[in-house]
Amino acid sequence: MSQSVSAVPPDRTETLTVPAGKSGCPINMTVELLGDRWSFVVLRDIVFGGHRHFRELLDNSLEGIASNILAARLKKLTAAGLLSTHADPHHRQKIDYRLTEPAIQLIPLFAQLGAWGARWMPTTPELAVRAELLAAGGPPLWDRFMEELRSIHLENQPPPADGVLAELTAAHEQRRGADAVAPPRREKETGHVHVPRDQLRG
């Protein structure tokens, strides 16, 4: 039978509600909570996509998450204390999922993980641009973004039109638009024609 972790660091007054890990190593504990295939991706879609309802998260999943897996991850993240649930005043059957303070403080991890992936993995430009901007902005931008997310998720205020999220979204849309209209280019060395991935889908 699993037990909850109760040890609290000296500068902390509370911890997340999670089962005891295989070790008390903070890296291990974090990976046990977020290291599965979908948990961090679901949080990503709430942070950067602004999707706060089940159907929005399901329909806008870039990776095509299955409905049962999404339901399980939302339940897990809520139970752990990374998400809070609220009744939607406009739709009684909808649940509004909001980030909690511990989830908001994952922004530096999102920035570093995204920067590493953009550097070392075969990512697509329109999906990497937000990670690049977050990494370039460093801690000052991360702090601004976290304050913005506190207003949105903890105080239920609308996203500011000139905030960090708006800047990241605009950069994403601009890069996606540029890639969509970019003409095929011929590689100098091989003579092969490169066609942007979005054009191949047509």
Protein backbone atom coordinates (compact mmCIF):
# COMPACT_ATOMS: atom_id res chain seq x y z
CA MET A 1 0.00 0.00 0.00
CA SER A 2 1.48 3.34 -1.08
CA GLN A 3 2.06 6.15 1.39
CA SER A 4 2.06 9.88 0.82
CA VAL A 5 5.28 11.81 1.07
CA SER A 6 5.24 14.06 4.12
CA ALA A 7 8.80 15.38 4.36
CA VAL A 8 8.86 19.17 3.85
CA PRO A 9 12.05 21.13 3.02
CA PRO A 10 12.92 23.86 5.56
CA ASP A 11 11.76 26.71 3.27
CA ARG A 12 8.51 25.04 2.27
CA THR A 13 5.20 24.82 4.10
CA GLU A 14 3.47 22.32 1.83
CA THR A 15 4.15 19.68 -0.79
CA LEU A 16 2.13 18.02 -3.52
CA THR A 17 -0.01 15.02 -2.66
CA VAL A 18 1.88 12.19 -4.31
CA PRO A 19 2.70 8.56 -3.43
CA ALA A 20 6.07 7.77 -1.95
CA GLY A 21 8.62 7.41 -4.72
CA LYS A 22 11.19 4.73 -5.32
CA SER A 23 13.63 7.17 -3.77
CA GLY A 24 13.43 10.61 -2.20
CA CYS A 25 15.62 12.13 -4.90
CA PRO A 26 13.86 15.29 -6.16
CA ILE A 27 14.67 14.43 -9.78
CA ASN A 28 13.25 10.94 -9.36
CA MET A 29 10.14 12.25 -7.63
CA THR A 30 9.51 14.79 -10.39
CA VAL A 31 10.03 12.21 -13.13
CA GLU A 32 7.69 9.77 -11.40
CA LEU A 33 4.99 12.45 -11.40
CA LEU A 34 5.55 14.01 -14.84
CA GLY A 35 7.72 11.54 -16.72
CA ASP A 36 4.99 9.47 -18.35
CA ARG A 37 4.02 9.89 -22.00
CA TRP A 38 1.31 12.52 -21.51
CA SER A 39 1.26 14.44 -18.22
CA PHE A 40 3.74 17.15 -19.17
CA VAL A 41 2.15 17.48 -22.62
CA VAL A 42 -1.29 18.05 -21.08
CA LEU A 43 0.17 20.77 -18.86
CA ARG A 44 1.87 22.28 -21.93
CA ASP A 45 -1.48 22.57 -23.71
CA ILE A 46 -3.03 24.31 -20.72
CA VAL A 47 -0.07 26.68 -20.30
CA PHE A 48 0.59 27.66 -23.90
CA GLY A 49 -2.65 26.73 -25.66
CA GLY A 50 -4.97 28.18 -23.07
CA HIS A 51 -7.17 25.08 -23.29
CA ARG A 52 -8.97 24.59 -19.99
CA HIS A 53 -11.81 22.21 -20.85
CA PHE A 54 -11.67 18.50 -21.62
CA ARG A 55 -13.03 18.83 -25.18
CA GLU A 56 -10.65 21.69 -25.99
CA LEU A 57 -7.68 19.66 -24.81
CA LEU A 58 -8.83 16.60 -26.75
CA ASP A 59 -9.64 18.38 -30.02
CA ASN A 60 -6.50 20.54 -30.03
CA SER A 61 -3.99 17.86 -29.07
CA LEU A 62 -1.11 17.99 -31.55
CA GLU A 63 -0.15 14.45 -30.64
CA GLY A 64 -3.68 13.02 -30.79
CA ILE A 65 -4.18 12.00 -27.18
CA ALA A 66 -6.94 9.43 -26.63
CA SER A 67 -9.94 10.51 -24.57
CA ASN A 68 -9.44 7.87 -21.87
CA ILE A 69 -5.78 8.79 -21.46
CA LEU A 70 -6.60 12.49 -21.25
CA ALA A 71 -9.22 11.79 -18.59
CA ALA A 72 -6.72 9.72 -16.61
CA ARG A 73 -4.00 12.38 -16.80
CA LEU A 74 -6.35 15.19 -15.80
CA LYS A 75 -7.46 13.11 -12.82
CA LYS A 76 -3.86 12.37 -11.87
CA LEU A 77 -2.70 15.98 -12.17
CA THR A 78 -5.68 17.22 -10.19
CA ALA A 79 -5.16 14.65 -7.44
CA ALA A 80 -1.49 15.61 -7.20
CA GLY A 81 -2.35 19.29 -6.83
CA LEU A 82 -1.02 20.57 -10.16
CA LEU A 83 -4.51 21.37 -11.45
CA SER A 84 -7.64 22.65 -9.74
CA THR A 85 -11.16 22.12 -11.04
CA HIS A 86 -13.94 24.69 -11.19
CA ALA A 87 -17.50 24.70 -12.43
CA ASP A 88 -17.94 26.62 -15.68
CA PRO A 89 -20.67 29.24 -15.08
CA HIS A 90 -21.63 29.19 -18.76
CA HIS A 91 -21.76 25.41 -19.19
CA ARG A 92 -22.84 23.36 -16.20
CA GLN A 93 -21.51 20.11 -17.61
CA LYS A 94 -18.04 21.55 -18.28
CA ILE A 95 -15.15 21.51 -15.85
CA ASP A 96 -12.66 24.35 -15.97
CA TYR A 97 -9.12 23.07 -15.31
CA ARG A 98 -6.73 25.68 -13.96
CA LEU A 99 -3.06 25.62 -13.08
CA THR A 100 -2.08 25.76 -9.43
CA GLU A 101 0.98 27.55 -8.07
CA PRO A 102 3.20 24.43 -8.25
CA ALA A 103 2.25 23.95 -11.91
CA ILE A 104 2.93 27.61 -12.70
CA GLN A 105 6.38 27.25 -11.18
CA LEU A 106 7.16 24.62 -13.83
CA ILE A 107 7.69 27.42 -16.39
CA PRO A 108 11.50 27.40 -16.02
CA LEU A 109 11.42 23.64 -16.61
CA PHE A 110 9.27 24.11 -19.71
CA ALA A 111 11.76 26.71 -20.95
CA GLN A 112 14.84 24.56 -20.35
CA LEU A 113 13.27 21.36 -21.68
CA GLY A 114 12.01 23.18 -24.78
CA ALA A 115 15.39 24.79 -25.39
CA TRP A 116 17.14 21.42 -25.13
CA GLY A 117 14.66 19.85 -27.53
CA ALA A 118 14.97 22.71 -30.01
CA ARG A 119 18.77 22.34 -29.91
CA TRP A 120 19.09 18.57 -30.16
CA MET A 121 15.86 17.14 -31.62
CA PRO A 122 14.44 17.31 -35.18
CA THR A 123 11.67 19.75 -34.27
CA THR A 124 9.51 21.87 -36.59
CA PRO A 125 10.18 25.64 -36.64
CA GLU A 126 6.64 26.76 -35.82
CA LEU A 127 6.51 24.49 -32.77
CA ALA A 128 10.01 25.38 -31.58
CA VAL A 129 9.72 29.16 -31.73
CA ARG A 130 8.03 29.54 -28.34
CA ALA A 131 10.70 27.44 -26.66
CA GLU A 132 13.40 29.52 -28.34
CA LEU A 133 11.84 32.78 -27.17
CA LEU A 134 11.38 31.53 -23.62
CA ALA A 135 15.00 30.39 -23.47
CA ALA A 136 16.25 33.67 -24.91
CA GLY A 137 14.18 35.70 -22.44
CA GLY A 138 15.66 33.90 -19.46
CA PRO A 139 14.49 34.28 -15.85
CA PRO A 140 13.08 37.82 -16.29
CA LEU A 141 10.69 36.59 -18.98
CA TRP A 142 9.85 33.45 -17.01
CA ASP A 143 8.95 35.58 -13.98
CA ARG A 144 6.71 37.81 -16.11
CA PHE A 145 5.03 34.75 -17.59
CA MET A 146 4.45 33.15 -14.19
CA GLU A 147 2.88 36.36 -12.86
CA GLU A 148 0.63 36.42 -15.91
CA LEU A 149 -0.40 32.80 -15.38
CA ARG A 150 -1.19 33.52 -11.73
CA SER A 151 -3.58 36.22 -12.84
CA ILE A 152 -5.20 33.93 -15.43
CA HIS A 153 -5.44 30.72 -13.42
CA LEU A 154 -5.40 31.70 -9.75
CA GLU A 155 -7.48 34.87 -10.10
CA ASN A 156 -9.46 33.80 -13.21
CA GLN A 157 -8.63 36.99 -15.11
CA PRO A 158 -8.56 37.14 -18.94
CA PRO A 159 -5.15 36.90 -20.61
CA PRO A 160 -3.67 40.36 -21.26
CA ALA A 161 -3.56 41.36 -24.92
CA ASP A 162 0.06 42.50 -24.57
CA GLY A 163 1.29 39.74 -22.26
CA VAL A 164 3.92 37.05 -22.64
CA LEU A 165 1.41 34.45 -23.79
CA ALA A 166 0.19 36.82 -26.52
CA GLU A 167 3.79 37.40 -27.64
CA LEU A 168 4.55 33.69 -27.78
CA THR A 169 1.30 32.94 -29.63
CA ALA A 170 1.94 35.70 -32.17
CA ALA A 171 5.46 34.39 -32.83
CA HIS A 172 4.06 30.88 -33.29
CA GLU A 173 1.41 32.07 -35.75
CA GLN A 174 3.91 34.20 -37.65
CA ARG A 175 6.37 31.33 -38.00
CA ARG A 176 3.60 28.94 -39.04
CA GLY A 177 2.38 31.40 -41.67
CA ALA A 178 5.88 31.93 -43.01
CA ASP A 179 6.46 28.20 -43.33
CA ALA A 180 3.09 27.71 -45.04
CA VAL A 181 3.86 30.17 -47.85
CA ALA A 182 7.58 29.50 -48.18
CA PRO A 183 8.42 28.36 -51.75
CA PRO A 184 10.34 25.11 -52.29
CA ARG A 185 14.10 25.66 -52.12
CA ARG A 186 16.85 23.71 -53.83
CA GLU A 187 19.60 22.46 -51.62
CA LYS A 188 22.98 23.70 -52.85
CA GLU A 189 24.96 20.52 -52.37
CA THR A 190 22.52 17.77 -53.30
CA GLY A 191 20.19 19.52 -55.71
CA HIS A 192 17.22 18.10 -53.80
CA VAL A 193 14.12 20.23 -53.51
CA HIS A 194 12.98 20.98 -49.97
CA VAL A 195 9.26 21.50 -49.47
CA PRO A 196 7.92 22.75 -46.10
CA ARG A 197 6.13 20.00 -44.22
CA ASP A 198 2.80 21.84 -44.13
CA GLN A 199 2.74 22.00 -47.94
CA LEU A 200 3.22 18.26 -48.19
CA ARG A 201 -0.09 17.74 -46.42
CA GLY A 202 -2.04 19.41 -49.21
